Amino acid sequence: MFRTMSRSTTAVRSKSGLLAACGMLAAASLGATHASAAPVPASELSAGEAEELCERLDNQFQFTMQFKANLPYAGEARALHASGVEKCRSGDAAQGVSDLRKSLETMHVVPNEI
């Protein structure tokens, strides 16, 4: 009986060690992904990427504003959003992306990326 318990205890310890190692590996890979996911500066986006990001950020703003419209910083965010949308529509998508990002950051939201 003691042998069975000893083998069982050893198996549990081995599995616990394996799970801990897997957890550390997963945490390290998530950290590496997060660190490499810094936003691309708007000036370095291609025209197509900037236009696509204009649309994504506008959609993200519209969604977020449903929940934050009455907060103290909403007015500033709306002004930045309006400026960004106007720049995106007038052909200056890179500058529009910059303003749209700022509008979301003003609301304490991490802007979407491509």
Protein backbone atom coordinates (compact mmCIF):
# COMPACT_ATOMS: atom_id res chain seq x y z
CA MET A 1 0.00 0.00 0.00
CA PHE A 2 2.81 2.41 0.79
CA ARG A 3 4.39 1.77 -2.59
CA THR A 4 1.20 2.72 -4.41
CA MET A 5 0.95 5.94 -2.43
CA SER A 6 4.59 6.69 -3.10
CA ARG A 7 4.16 6.23 -6.84
CA SER A 8 0.98 8.27 -6.73
CA THR A 9 2.70 11.07 -4.82
CA THR A 10 5.59 11.05 -7.28
CA ALA A 11 3.18 11.23 -10.22
CA VAL A 12 1.35 14.17 -8.67
CA ARG A 13 4.62 16.00 -8.03
CA SER A 14 5.76 15.37 -11.61
CA LYS A 15 2.48 16.65 -13.00
CA SER A 16 2.59 19.69 -10.74
CA GLY A 17 6.08 20.52 -11.91
CA LEU A 18 5.08 20.10 -15.54
CA LEU A 19 2.02 22.34 -15.07
CA ALA A 20 4.14 25.00 -13.37
CA ALA A 21 6.68 24.90 -16.21
CA CYS A 22 3.89 25.20 -18.79
CA GLY A 23 2.41 28.14 -16.90
CA MET A 24 5.73 29.97 -16.81
CA LEU A 25 6.29 29.31 -20.51
CA ALA A 26 2.82 30.62 -21.36
CA ALA A 27 3.34 33.74 -19.24
CA ALA A 28 6.70 34.39 -20.87
CA SER A 29 5.28 34.03 -24.37
CA LEU A 30 2.36 36.34 -23.58
CA GLY A 31 4.77 38.91 -22.22
CA ALA A 32 6.88 38.69 -25.35
CA THR A 33 3.81 39.09 -27.55
CA HIS A 34 2.66 42.12 -25.61
CA ALA A 35 6.07 43.75 -25.76
CA SER A 36 6.29 43.33 -29.53
CA ALA A 37 2.75 44.59 -30.12
CA ALA A 38 3.61 48.28 -29.78
CA PRO A 39 1.56 50.42 -32.14
CA VAL A 40 3.14 51.28 -35.45
CA PRO A 41 3.63 55.05 -35.67
CA ALA A 42 0.97 56.54 -37.95
CA SER A 43 3.66 58.02 -40.20
CA GLU A 44 4.99 54.51 -40.93
CA LEU A 45 1.66 53.04 -42.06
CA SER A 46 1.03 52.51 -45.77
CA ALA A 47 -1.86 54.49 -47.24
CA GLY A 48 -4.03 51.36 -47.30
CA GLU A 49 -3.17 50.45 -43.71
CA ALA A 50 -3.90 53.98 -42.52
CA GLU A 51 -7.28 54.00 -44.27
CA GLU A 52 -8.17 50.62 -42.79
CA LEU A 53 -7.07 51.75 -39.35
CA CYS A 54 -9.14 54.94 -39.69
CA GLU A 55 -12.22 52.76 -40.13
CA ARG A 56 -11.33 50.40 -37.27
CA LEU A 57 -10.59 53.24 -34.86
CA ASP A 58 -13.78 55.07 -35.83
CA ASN A 59 -15.80 51.91 -35.16
CA GLN A 60 -14.00 51.38 -31.86
CA PHE A 61 -14.73 54.98 -30.86
CA GLN A 62 -18.43 54.66 -31.75
CA PHE A 63 -18.70 51.48 -29.68
CA THR A 64 -16.80 52.92 -26.71
CA MET A 65 -18.76 56.15 -26.68
CA GLN A 66 -21.95 54.18 -25.97
CA PHE A 67 -20.54 53.53 -22.50
CA LYS A 68 -18.50 56.66 -21.84
CA ALA A 69 -20.55 59.47 -23.40
CA ASN A 70 -21.32 61.17 -20.08
CA LEU A 71 -17.86 61.05 -18.57
CA PRO A 72 -15.83 64.26 -18.03
CA TYR A 73 -13.32 63.51 -20.80
CA ALA A 74 -15.95 62.65 -23.46
CA GLY A 75 -15.99 66.17 -24.93
CA GLU A 76 -12.25 66.21 -25.54
CA ALA A 77 -12.47 62.70 -27.01
CA ARG A 78 -15.29 63.79 -29.36
CA ALA A 79 -13.25 66.75 -30.60
CA LEU A 80 -10.21 64.55 -31.31
CA HIS A 81 -12.46 61.99 -33.00
CA ALA A 82 -14.09 64.62 -35.23
CA SER A 83 -10.66 65.95 -36.21
CA GLY A 84 -9.40 62.44 -36.95
CA VAL A 85 -12.40 61.50 -39.06
CA GLU A 86 -12.11 64.74 -41.05
CA LYS A 87 -8.42 64.10 -41.73
CA CYS A 88 -9.13 60.50 -42.76
CA ARG A 89 -11.83 61.66 -45.18
CA SER A 90 -9.70 64.45 -46.65
CA GLY A 91 -6.85 62.10 -47.58
CA ASP A 92 -4.54 62.62 -44.60
CA ALA A 93 -5.20 59.19 -43.10
CA ALA A 94 -1.91 59.01 -41.18
CA GLN A 95 -2.70 62.18 -39.26
CA GLY A 96 -6.30 61.02 -38.88
CA VAL A 97 -5.09 57.78 -37.27
CA SER A 98 -3.01 59.81 -34.84
CA ASP A 99 -6.03 61.88 -33.76
CA LEU A 100 -8.31 58.84 -33.58
CA ARG A 101 -5.80 57.03 -31.38
CA LYS A 102 -5.63 60.07 -29.10
CA SER A 103 -9.43 60.21 -28.90
CA LEU A 104 -9.53 56.64 -27.60
CA GLU A 105 -6.59 57.10 -25.26
CA THR A 106 -8.36 60.15 -23.81
CA MET A 107 -11.14 57.74 -22.80
CA HIS A 108 -8.56 55.35 -21.27
CA VAL A 109 -9.04 52.82 -24.07
CA VAL A 110 -6.22 51.01 -25.88
CA PRO A 111 -6.69 51.70 -29.61
CA ASN A 112 -7.04 48.81 -32.03
CA GLU A 113 -4.18 48.08 -34.38
CA ILE A 114 -3.87 46.40 -37.75
